């Protein structure tokens, strides 16, 4: 193990990333049969760990699995993987495990594969990003945080090939979310985001942004909105665990309002950074 190589967790062991291996008959490898979570860490403290682990259990239940570990056991693993006070993120993945043969039907009695690692979080672009709108080609259970992300990969790649950072997904003229993010718009001073359901991932950061908006006295509602409303929005934001709150300043080649992050984004961005700092301070006090 090199001095710069971090430890990962795999099926009860902590070992260098280069030594972590899974059998080729693992159903995660063969079928994408599994779920995952991404948890940001600030000052050594995971953000909203309880909520992330609750979502993990909901995703597992949706694919007929139970959480193989308790919340306390997951937390002990994360404590071993978190390195220092720098901003980082935990990636954890649970697959159905190694089956005796390749068969679409779920085999009984196999042991799930558990994997977790910790990596640095890159700084977010404070001057905003470009996005494009695309047709949503995903399946109908987007509320499951499944590792089967091929459609999302292709949609994000379409954005990249058009000089953008993210694809905003539209189905039947309804704006749903980004390829790897939730979406908000500002219309007449009100923050709007699509409601939870099978069409979107129930984002932990999304929920936190709604809470912070309420604390800041910013009107916020959950409702569907159309592509036309998106294109006429005063502000557009994308949220995710590792990219926090991103302002979209260009959509489909056209500037959003002034082409710069808007005033409500600045308020929520500041509130979000204050929330992160409180986590760091809690860790420092302990």
C-alpha atoms as a PDB file:
ATOM      1  CA  UNK A   1       0.000   0.000   0.000  1.00  0.00           C
ATOM      2  CA  UNK A   2       1.432   3.396  -0.972  1.00  0.00           C
ATOM      3  CA  UNK A   3       1.530   6.217   1.567  1.00  0.00           C
ATOM      4  CA  UNK A   4      -1.154   8.069  -0.425  1.00  0.00           C
ATOM      5  CA  UNK A   5      -3.498   5.119  -0.982  1.00  0.00           C
ATOM      6  CA  UNK A   6      -6.572   5.197   1.224  1.00  0.00           C
ATOM      7  CA  UNK A   7      -8.331   2.309   2.874  1.00  0.00           C
ATOM      8  CA  UNK A   8     -11.702   1.062   1.686  1.00  0.00           C
ATOM      9  CA  UNK A   9     -14.195  -1.278   3.301  1.00  0.00           C
ATOM     10  CA  UNK A  10     -15.208  -4.494   1.579  1.00  0.00           C
ATOM     11  CA  UNK A  11     -17.231  -7.258   3.217  1.00  0.00           C
ATOM     12  CA  UNK A  12     -15.911  -6.832   6.728  1.00  0.00           C
ATOM     13  CA  UNK A  13     -12.332  -5.899   5.836  1.00  0.00           C
ATOM     14  CA  UNK A  14     -10.441  -2.619   5.618  1.00  0.00           C
ATOM     15  CA  UNK A  15      -7.861  -2.818   2.853  1.00  0.00           C
ATOM     16  CA  UNK A  16      -6.092  -0.698   0.216  1.00  0.00           C
ATOM     17  CA  UNK A  17      -8.262   0.240  -2.771  1.00  0.00           C
ATOM     18  CA  UNK A  18      -5.875  -1.586  -5.129  1.00  0.00           C
ATOM     19  CA  UNK A  19      -6.498  -4.827  -3.227  1.00  0.00           C
ATOM     20  CA  UNK A  20     -10.310  -4.618  -3.146  1.00  0.00           C
ATOM     21  CA  UNK A  21     -11.773  -7.241  -5.511  1.00  0.00           C
ATOM     22  CA  UNK A  22     -15.176  -8.797  -6.135  1.00  0.00           C
ATOM     23  CA  UNK A  23     -16.027 -12.096  -7.893  1.00  0.00           C
ATOM     24  CA  UNK A  24     -17.266 -11.820 -11.472  1.00  0.00           C
ATOM     25  CA  UNK A  25     -20.531 -13.547 -10.496  1.00  0.00           C
ATOM     26  CA  UNK A  26     -21.462 -10.672  -8.182  1.00  0.00           C
ATOM     27  CA  UNK A  27     -24.940  -9.574  -9.266  1.00  0.00           C
ATOM     28  CA  UNK A  28     -23.912  -5.940  -8.984  1.00  0.00           C
ATOM     29  CA  UNK A  29     -21.323  -6.576 -11.701  1.00  0.00           C
ATOM     30  CA  UNK A  30     -23.580  -8.740 -13.883  1.00  0.00           C
ATOM     31  CA  UNK A  31     -26.946  -6.977 -13.518  1.00  0.00           C
ATOM     32  CA  UNK A  32     -26.409  -3.705 -11.655  1.00  0.00           C
ATOM     33  CA  UNK A  33     -28.433  -5.411  -8.915  1.00  0.00           C
ATOM     34  CA  UNK A  34     -27.795  -3.097  -5.980  1.00  0.00           C
ATOM     35  CA  UNK A  35     -28.106   0.382  -4.504  1.00  0.00           C
ATOM     36  CA  UNK A  36     -25.756   3.081  -3.282  1.00  0.00           C
ATOM     37  CA  UNK A  37     -25.478   6.260  -1.229  1.00  0.00           C
ATOM     38  CA  UNK A  38     -23.171   9.296  -1.304  1.00  0.00           C
ATOM     39  CA  UNK A  39     -22.731  11.138   1.996  1.00  0.00           C
ATOM     40  CA  UNK A  40     -20.769  14.414   2.254  1.00  0.00           C
ATOM     41  CA  UNK A  41     -18.463  14.849   5.241  1.00  0.00           C
ATOM     42  CA  UNK A  42     -17.450  18.213   6.703  1.00  0.00           C
ATOM     43  CA  UNK A  43     -14.929  18.525   9.498  1.00  0.00           C
ATOM     44  CA  UNK A  44     -15.014  14.750   9.908  1.00  0.00           C
ATOM     45  CA  UNK A  45     -18.794  14.792  10.439  1.00  0.00           C
ATOM     46  CA  UNK A  46     -21.173  13.172   7.897  1.00  0.00           C
ATOM     47  CA  UNK A  47     -23.977  15.467   6.777  1.00  0.00           C
ATOM     48  CA  UNK A  48     -27.410  14.126   7.711  1.00  0.00           C
ATOM     49  CA  UNK A  49     -26.201  10.580   8.222  1.00  0.00           C
ATOM     50  CA  UNK A  50     -29.532   9.403   9.626  1.00  0.00           C
ATOM     51  CA  UNK A  51     -31.400  10.657   6.557  1.00  0.00           C
ATOM     52  CA  UNK A  52     -28.917   9.078   4.142  1.00  0.00           C
ATOM     53  CA  UNK A  53     -29.116   5.712   5.895  1.00  0.00           C
ATOM     54  CA  UNK A  54     -32.914   5.922   5.947  1.00  0.00           C
ATOM     55  CA  UNK A  55     -32.882   6.459   2.178  1.00  0.00           C
ATOM     56  CA  UNK A  56     -30.488   3.506   1.816  1.00  0.00           C
ATOM     57  CA  UNK A  57     -32.939   1.272   3.683  1.00  0.00           C
ATOM     58  CA  UNK A  58     -35.840   2.539   1.545  1.00  0.00           C
ATOM     59  CA  UNK A  59     -33.897   1.786  -1.648  1.00  0.00           C
ATOM     60  CA  UNK A  60     -32.992  -1.680  -0.366  1.00  0.00           C
ATOM     61  CA  UNK A  61     -36.597  -2.410   0.573  1.00  0.00           C
ATOM     62  CA  UNK A  62     -37.665  -1.384  -2.929  1.00  0.00           C
ATOM     63  CA  UNK A  63     -35.438  -4.114  -4.413  1.00  0.00           C
ATOM     64  CA  UNK A  64     -36.492  -6.729  -1.830  1.00  0.00           C
ATOM     65  CA  UNK A  65     -33.458  -6.434   0.441  1.00  0.00           C
ATOM     66  CA  UNK A  66     -32.900  -5.426   4.039  1.00  0.00           C
ATOM     67  CA  UNK A  67     -30.034  -3.322   5.346  1.00  0.00           C
ATOM     68  CA  UNK A  68     -27.241  -5.784   6.191  1.00  0.00           C
ATOM     69  CA  UNK A  69     -25.900  -3.525   8.958  1.00  0.00           C
ATOM     70  CA  UNK A  70     -27.346  -1.323  11.681  1.00  0.00           C
ATOM     71  CA  UNK A  71     -26.926   2.436  11.528  1.00  0.00           C
ATOM     72  CA  UNK A  72     -24.342   2.193  14.317  1.00  0.00           C
ATOM     73  CA  UNK A  73     -22.358  -0.410  12.378  1.00  0.00           C
ATOM     74  CA  UNK A  74     -22.365   1.758   9.269  1.00  0.00           C
ATOM     75  CA  UNK A  75     -21.234   4.752  11.361  1.00  0.00           C
ATOM     76  CA  UNK A  76     -18.329   2.742  12.814  1.00  0.00           C
ATOM     77  CA  UNK A  77     -17.181   1.857   9.294  1.00  0.00           C
ATOM     78  CA  UNK A  78     -17.382   5.476   8.168  1.00  0.00           C
ATOM     79  CA  UNK A  79     -15.367   6.623  11.196  1.00  0.00           C
ATOM     80  CA  UNK A  80     -12.559   4.316  10.068  1.00  0.00           C
ATOM     81  CA  UNK A  81     -12.666   5.622   6.491  1.00  0.00           C
ATOM     82  CA  UNK A  82     -12.901   9.381   7.154  1.00  0.00           C
ATOM     83  CA  UNK A  83      -9.448  10.925   7.004  1.00  0.00           C
ATOM     84  CA  UNK A  84      -8.900  14.300   8.643  1.00  0.00           C
ATOM     85  CA  UNK A  85     -11.048  17.443   8.631  1.00  0.00           C
ATOM     86  CA  UNK A  86     -11.022  18.160   4.871  1.00  0.00           C
ATOM     87  CA  UNK A  87     -14.293  18.073   2.905  1.00  0.00           C
ATOM     88  CA  UNK A  88     -14.858  14.569   1.581  1.00  0.00           C
ATOM     89  CA  UNK A  89     -17.617  12.157   0.670  1.00  0.00           C
ATOM     90  CA  UNK A  90     -18.458   8.593   1.590  1.00  0.00           C
ATOM     91  CA  UNK A  91     -19.556   6.284  -1.205  1.00  0.00           C
ATOM     92  CA  UNK A  92     -21.271   3.106  -0.044  1.00  0.00           C
ATOM     93  CA  UNK A  93     -22.724   0.354  -2.194  1.00  0.00           C
ATOM     94  CA  UNK A  94     -24.745  -2.746  -1.397  1.00  0.00           C
ATOM     95  CA  UNK A  95     -25.256  -5.377  -4.078  1.00  0.00           C
ATOM     96  CA  UNK A  96     -27.324  -8.521  -3.782  1.00  0.00           C
ATOM     97  CA  UNK A  97     -24.107 -10.510  -3.686  1.00  0.00           C
ATOM     98  CA  UNK A  98     -22.432 -13.416  -5.446  1.00  0.00           C
ATOM     99  CA  UNK A  99     -24.793 -15.959  -7.003  1.00  0.00           C
ATOM    100  CA  UNK A 100     -23.935 -19.538  -7.999  1.00  0.00           C
ATOM    101  CA  UNK A 101     -24.771 -18.779 -11.633  1.00  0.00           C
ATOM    102  CA  UNK A 102     -25.912 -15.956 -13.903  1.00  0.00           C
ATOM    103  CA  UNK A 103     -29.720 -15.985 -13.720  1.00  0.00           C
ATOM    104  CA  UNK A 104     -32.082 -13.014 -13.775  1.00  0.00           C
ATOM    105  CA  UNK A 105     -34.245 -14.474 -10.999  1.00  0.00           C
ATOM    106  CA  UNK A 106     -33.204 -13.484  -7.478  1.00  0.00           C
ATOM    107  CA  UNK A 107     -31.405 -16.438  -5.852  1.00  0.00           C
ATOM    108  CA  UNK A 108     -32.341 -17.190  -2.245  1.00  0.00           C
ATOM    109  CA  UNK A 109     -29.928 -17.067   0.652  1.00  0.00           C
ATOM    110  CA  UNK A 110     -26.938 -15.264  -0.882  1.00  0.00           C
ATOM    111  CA  UNK A 111     -24.876 -12.815   1.153  1.00  0.00           C
ATOM    112  CA  UNK A 112     -24.847  -9.155   0.028  1.00  0.00           C
ATOM    113  CA  UNK A 113     -21.642  -7.447  -1.042  1.00  0.00           C
ATOM    114  CA  UNK A 114     -20.819  -4.325   1.005  1.00  0.00           C
ATOM    115  CA  UNK A 115     -18.389  -1.683  -0.189  1.00  0.00           C
ATOM    116  CA  UNK A 116     -17.514   1.788   1.107  1.00  0.00           C
ATOM    117  CA  UNK A 117     -14.810   4.350   0.435  1.00  0.00           C
ATOM    118  CA  UNK A 118     -14.049   7.993   1.176  1.00  0.00           C
ATOM    119  CA  UNK A 119     -12.814  10.532  -1.403  1.00  0.00           C
ATOM    120  CA  UNK A 120     -12.186  14.320  -1.430  1.00  0.00           C
ATOM    121  CA  UNK A 121     -14.968  16.689  -2.532  1.00  0.00           C
ATOM    122  CA  UNK A 122     -14.000  19.077  -5.320  1.00  0.00           C
ATOM    123  CA  UNK A 123     -14.833  22.780  -4.826  1.00  0.00           C
ATOM    124  CA  UNK A 124     -18.092  23.820  -6.498  1.00  0.00           C
ATOM    125  CA  UNK A 125     -18.081  26.496  -9.242  1.00  0.00           C
ATOM    126  CA  UNK A 126     -19.425  29.651  -7.625  1.00  0.00           C
ATOM    127  CA  UNK A 127     -19.895  31.441 -10.948  1.00  0.00           C
ATOM    128  CA  UNK A 128     -22.510  28.925 -12.109  1.00  0.00           C
ATOM    129  CA  UNK A 129     -22.706  26.187 -14.733  1.00  0.00           C
ATOM    130  CA  UNK A 130     -24.213  25.492 -18.145  1.00  0.00           C
ATOM    131  CA  UNK A 131     -27.016  22.945 -18.555  1.00  0.00           C
ATOM    132  CA  UNK A 132     -29.051  21.497 -21.404  1.00  0.00           C
ATOM    133  CA  UNK A 133     -32.530  19.998 -21.490  1.00  0.00           C
ATOM    134  CA  UNK A 134     -32.918  16.418 -22.714  1.00  0.00           C
ATOM    135  CA  UNK A 135     -35.688  13.826 -22.999  1.00  0.00           C
ATOM    136  CA  UNK A 136     -35.827  11.558 -19.954  1.00  0.00           C
ATOM    137  CA  UNK A 137     -35.027   7.997 -21.102  1.00  0.00           C
ATOM    138  CA  UNK A 138     -34.833   6.415 -17.634  1.00  0.00           C
ATOM    139  CA  UNK A 139     -37.085   3.784 -16.079  1.00  0.00           C
ATOM    140  CA  UNK A 140     -40.120   4.440 -13.855  1.00  0.00           C
ATOM    141  CA  UNK A 141     -38.503   3.846 -10.441  1.00  0.00           C
ATOM    142  CA  UNK A 142     -36.150   6.802 -10.229  1.00  0.00           C
ATOM    143  CA  UNK A 143     -36.802   7.104  -6.485  1.00  0.00           C
ATOM    144  CA  UNK A 144     -34.577   4.030  -5.972  1.00  0.00           C
ATOM    145  CA  UNK A 145     -30.911   5.023  -5.705  1.00  0.00           C
ATOM    146  CA  UNK A 146     -29.895   2.082  -7.878  1.00  0.00           C
ATOM    147  CA  UNK A 147     -26.429   1.422  -9.274  1.00  0.00           C
ATOM    148  CA  UNK A 148     -27.982   0.821 -12.717  1.00  0.00           C
ATOM    149  CA  UNK A 149     -27.088   4.273 -14.030  1.00  0.00           C
ATOM    150  CA  UNK A 150     -26.484   3.703 -17.739  1.00  0.00           C
ATOM    151  CA  UNK A 151     -29.296   6.055 -18.807  1.00  0.00           C
ATOM    152  CA  UNK A 152     -27.945   8.754 -16.484  1.00  0.00           C
ATOM    153  CA  UNK A 153     -24.445   8.227 -17.886  1.00  0.00           C
ATOM    154  CA  UNK A 154     -25.664   8.675 -21.457  1.00  0.00           C
ATOM    155  CA  UNK A 155     -27.695  11.762 -20.575  1.00  0.00           C
ATOM    156  CA  UNK A 156     -24.786  13.393 -18.737  1.00  0.00           C
ATOM    157  CA  UNK A 157     -22.517  12.562 -21.660  1.00  0.00           C
ATOM    158  CA  UNK A 158     -24.970  14.276 -24.008  1.00  0.00           C
ATOM    159  CA  UNK A 159     -24.657  17.380 -21.841  1.00  0.00           C
ATOM    160  CA  UNK A 160     -20.858  17.219 -21.879  1.00  0.00           C
ATOM    161  CA  UNK A 161     -20.790  16.843 -25.647  1.00  0.00           C
ATOM    162  CA  UNK A 162     -22.880  20.020 -25.865  1.00  0.00           C
ATOM    163  CA  UNK A 163     -20.472  21.978 -23.680  1.00  0.00           C
ATOM    164  CA  UNK A 164     -22.611  21.755 -20.529  1.00  0.00           C
ATOM    165  CA  UNK A 165     -22.092  20.337 -17.031  1.00  0.00           C
ATOM    166  CA  UNK A 166     -25.490  18.765 -16.472  1.00  0.00           C
ATOM    167  CA  UNK A 167     -28.543  17.446 -18.313  1.00  0.00           C
ATOM    168  CA  UNK A 168     -31.985  18.507 -17.098  1.00  0.00           C
ATOM    169  CA  UNK A 169     -34.495  15.743 -17.736  1.00  0.00           C
ATOM    170  CA  UNK A 170     -37.926  16.417 -19.239  1.00  0.00           C
ATOM    171  CA  UNK A 171     -40.741  13.877 -19.629  1.00  0.00           C
ATOM    172  CA  UNK A 172     -44.151  14.710 -21.142  1.00  0.00           C
ATOM    173  CA  UNK A 173     -43.266  18.405 -20.911  1.00  0.00           C
ATOM    174  CA  UNK A 174     -42.626  18.099 -17.156  1.00  0.00           C
ATOM    175  CA  UNK A 175     -39.212  19.007 -15.763  1.00  0.00           C
ATOM    176  CA  UNK A 176     -38.109  16.295 -13.326  1.00  0.00           C
ATOM    177  CA  UNK A 177     -34.474  16.600 -12.188  1.00  0.00           C
ATOM    178  CA  UNK A 178     -30.903  16.523 -13.442  1.00  0.00           C
ATOM    179  CA  UNK A 179     -29.041  13.409 -14.538  1.00  0.00           C
ATOM    180  CA  UNK A 180     -27.344  13.444 -11.135  1.00  0.00           C
ATOM    181  CA  UNK A 181     -29.125  16.215  -9.262  1.00  0.00           C
ATOM    182  CA  UNK A 182     -32.441  17.650  -8.129  1.00  0.00           C
ATOM    183  CA  UNK A 183     -33.732  20.870  -9.639  1.00  0.00           C
ATOM    184  CA  UNK A 184     -35.192  24.140  -8.338  1.00  0.00           C
ATOM    185  CA  UNK A 185     -36.440  27.223 -10.148  1.00  0.00           C
ATOM    186  CA  UNK A 186     -37.282  30.680  -8.884  1.00  0.00           C
ATOM    187  CA  UNK A 187     -40.479  32.182 -10.277  1.00  0.00           C
ATOM    188  CA  UNK A 188     -41.883  35.502  -8.986  1.00  0.00           C
ATOM    189  CA  UNK A 189     -39.598  35.236  -5.967  1.00  0.00           C
ATOM    190  CA  UNK A 190     -40.844  31.764  -5.018  1.00  0.00           C
ATOM    191  CA  UNK A 191     -38.615  28.687  -4.943  1.00  0.00           C
ATOM    192  CA  UNK A 192     -40.202  25.718  -6.754  1.00  0.00           C
ATOM    193  CA  UNK A 193     -39.067  22.091  -6.946  1.00  0.00           C
ATOM    194  CA  UNK A 194     -40.882  18.992  -8.260  1.00  0.00           C
ATOM    195  CA  UNK A 195     -42.633  16.898  -5.580  1.00  0.00           C
ATOM    196  CA  UNK A 196     -41.300  13.550  -4.463  1.00  0.00           C
ATOM    197  CA  UNK A 197     -42.523  10.469  -6.272  1.00  0.00           C
ATOM    198  CA  UNK A 198     -41.266   7.607  -8.392  1.00  0.00           C
ATOM    199  CA  UNK A 199     -40.059  10.034 -11.089  1.00  0.00           C
ATOM    200  CA  UNK A 200     -37.292  11.667  -9.018  1.00  0.00           C
ATOM    201  CA  UNK A 201     -34.698  10.716  -6.434  1.00  0.00           C
ATOM    202  CA  UNK A 202     -35.680  12.036  -2.986  1.00  0.00           C
ATOM    203  CA  UNK A 203     -32.560  14.140  -2.484  1.00  0.00           C
ATOM    204  CA  UNK A 204     -31.203  14.749   1.008  1.00  0.00           C
ATOM    205  CA  UNK A 205     -29.670  18.052  -0.131  1.00  0.00           C
ATOM    206  CA  UNK A 206     -32.973  18.941  -1.807  1.00  0.00           C
ATOM    207  CA  UNK A 207     -34.767  18.573   1.530  1.00  0.00           C
ATOM    208  CA  UNK A 208     -32.109  20.596   3.331  1.00  0.00           C
ATOM    209  CA  UNK A 209     -32.425  23.432   0.814  1.00  0.00           C
ATOM    210  CA  UNK A 210     -36.176  23.563   1.420  1.00  0.00           C
ATOM    211  CA  UNK A 211     -35.569  23.754   5.175  1.00  0.00           C
ATOM    212  CA  UNK A 212     -32.971  26.502   4.788  1.00  0.00           C
ATOM    213  CA  UNK A 213     -35.286  28.458   2.484  1.00  0.00           C
ATOM    214  CA  UNK A 214     -37.988  28.324   5.153  1.00  0.00           C
ATOM    215  CA  UNK A 215     -35.516  29.548   7.786  1.00  0.00           C
ATOM    216  CA  UNK A 216     -34.517  32.432   5.502  1.00  0.00           C
ATOM    217  CA  UNK A 217     -38.138  33.426   4.911  1.00  0.00           C
ATOM    218  CA  UNK A 218     -38.022  32.507   1.224  1.00  0.00           C
ATOM    219  CA  UNK A 219     -41.347  31.142  -0.104  1.00  0.00           C
ATOM    220  CA  UNK A 220     -40.861  27.566  -1.308  1.00  0.00           C
ATOM    221  CA  UNK A 221     -43.335  25.088  -2.769  1.00  0.00           C
ATOM    222  CA  UNK A 222     -43.220  21.589  -4.230  1.00  0.00           C
ATOM    223  CA  UNK A 223     -45.084  21.302  -7.533  1.00  0.00           C
ATOM    224  CA  UNK A 224     -44.532  20.154 -11.086  1.00  0.00           C
ATOM    225  CA  UNK A 225     -43.459  22.726 -13.644  1.00  0.00           C
ATOM    226  CA  UNK A 226     -43.145  22.721 -17.414  1.00  0.00           C
ATOM    227  CA  UNK A 227     -40.272  23.186 -19.822  1.00  0.00           C
ATOM    228  CA  UNK A 228     -41.635  26.651 -20.662  1.00  0.00           C
ATOM    229  CA  UNK A 229     -41.567  27.603 -16.966  1.00  0.00           C
ATOM    230  CA  UNK A 230     -38.000  26.352 -16.698  1.00  0.00           C
ATOM    231  CA  UNK A 231     -36.902  28.451 -19.670  1.00  0.00           C
ATOM    232  CA  UNK A 232     -38.573  31.578 -18.289  1.00  0.00           C
ATOM    233  CA  UNK A 233     -37.360  31.088 -14.695  1.00  0.00           C
ATOM    234  CA  UNK A 234     -35.628  33.908 -12.834  1.00  0.00           C
ATOM    235  CA  UNK A 235     -33.122  31.429 -11.389  1.00  0.00           C
ATOM    236  CA  UNK A 236     -32.353  27.732 -11.871  1.00  0.00           C
ATOM    237  CA  UNK A 237     -30.493  25.619  -9.307  1.00  0.00           C
ATOM    238  CA  UNK A 238     -29.275  22.044  -9.203  1.00  0.00           C
ATOM    239  CA  UNK A 239     -28.593  20.287  -5.907  1.00  0.00           C
ATOM    240  CA  UNK A 240     -26.719  17.138  -4.925  1.00  0.00           C
ATOM    241  CA  UNK A 241     -24.694  15.787  -2.029  1.00  0.00           C
ATOM    242  CA  UNK A 242     -21.265  16.587  -3.448  1.00  0.00           C
ATOM    243  CA  UNK A 243     -22.134  19.614  -5.613  1.00  0.00           C
ATOM    244  CA  UNK A 244     -24.339  21.295  -3.003  1.00  0.00           C
ATOM    245  CA  UNK A 245     -26.325  24.123  -4.701  1.00  0.00           C
ATOM    246  CA  UNK A 246     -25.266  24.958  -8.239  1.00  0.00           C
ATOM    247  CA  UNK A 247     -26.618  27.994 -10.053  1.00  0.00           C
ATOM    248  CA  UNK A 248     -27.411  27.349 -13.724  1.00  0.00           C
ATOM    249  CA  UNK A 249     -26.430  30.497 -15.605  1.00  0.00           C
ATOM    250  CA  UNK A 250     -26.904  29.175 -19.139  1.00  0.00           C
ATOM    251  CA  UNK A 251     -29.627  26.820 -20.394  1.00  0.00           C
ATOM    252  CA  UNK A 252     -29.636  25.376 -23.917  1.00  0.00           C
ATOM    253  CA  UNK A 253     -27.185  28.049 -25.012  1.00  0.00           C
ATOM    254  CA  UNK A 254     -29.209  30.957 -23.619  1.00  0.00           C
ATOM    255  CA  UNK A 255     -28.402  32.969 -20.469  1.00  0.00           C
ATOM    256  CA  UNK A 256     -30.615  32.499 -17.426  1.00  0.00           C
ATOM    257  CA  UNK A 257     -31.719  36.054 -16.486  1.00  0.00           C
ATOM    258  CA  UNK A 258     -28.480  38.063 -16.240  1.00  0.00           C
ATOM    259  CA  UNK A 259     -26.279  35.041 -16.894  1.00  0.00           C
ATOM    260  CA  UNK A 260     -24.961  35.161 -13.328  1.00  0.00           C
ATOM    261  CA  UNK A 261     -26.019  33.440 -10.070  1.00  0.00           C
ATOM    262  CA  UNK A 262     -29.162  35.134  -8.780  1.00  0.00           C
ATOM    263  CA  UNK A 263     -29.936  36.879  -5.476  1.00  0.00           C
ATOM    264  CA  UNK A 264     -31.876  34.007  -3.899  1.00  0.00           C
ATOM    265  CA  UNK A 265     -29.092  31.565  -4.785  1.00  0.00           C
ATOM    266  CA  UNK A 266     -26.632  33.833  -2.957  1.00  0.00           C
ATOM    267  CA  UNK A 267     -28.817  33.796   0.148  1.00  0.00           C
ATOM    268  CA  UNK A 268     -29.228  30.000   0.132  1.00  0.00           C
ATOM    269  CA  UNK A 269     -25.577  29.442  -0.762  1.00  0.00           C
ATOM    270  CA  UNK A 270     -24.554  31.465   2.294  1.00  0.00           C
ATOM    271  CA  UNK A 271     -27.045  29.609   4.520  1.00  0.00           C
ATOM    272  CA  UNK A 272     -25.762  26.264   3.236  1.00  0.00           C
ATOM    273  CA  UNK A 273     -22.156  27.201   3.972  1.00  0.00           C
ATOM    274  CA  UNK A 274     -23.178  28.280   7.479  1.00  0.00           C
ATOM    275  CA  UNK A 275     -24.858  24.888   7.959  1.00  0.00           C
ATOM    276  CA  UNK A 276     -21.663  23.118   6.898  1.00  0.00           C
ATOM    277  CA  UNK A 277     -19.589  25.255   9.258  1.00  0.00           C
ATOM    278  CA  UNK A 278     -21.810  24.268  12.178  1.00  0.00           C
ATOM    279  CA  UNK A 279     -20.968  20.632  11.434  1.00  0.00           C
ATOM    280  CA  UNK A 280     -17.275  21.449  11.442  1.00  0.00           C
ATOM    281  CA  UNK A 281     -17.641  23.305  14.736  1.00  0.00           C
ATOM    282  CA  UNK A 282     -19.472  20.374  16.333  1.00  0.00           C
ATOM    283  CA  UNK A 283     -16.630  18.090  15.331  1.00  0.00           C
ATOM    284  CA  UNK A 284     -14.033  20.534  16.652  1.00  0.00           C
ATOM    285  CA  UNK A 285     -15.838  20.788  20.010  1.00  0.00           C
ATOM    286  CA  UNK A 286     -15.638  17.023  20.382  1.00  0.00           C
END
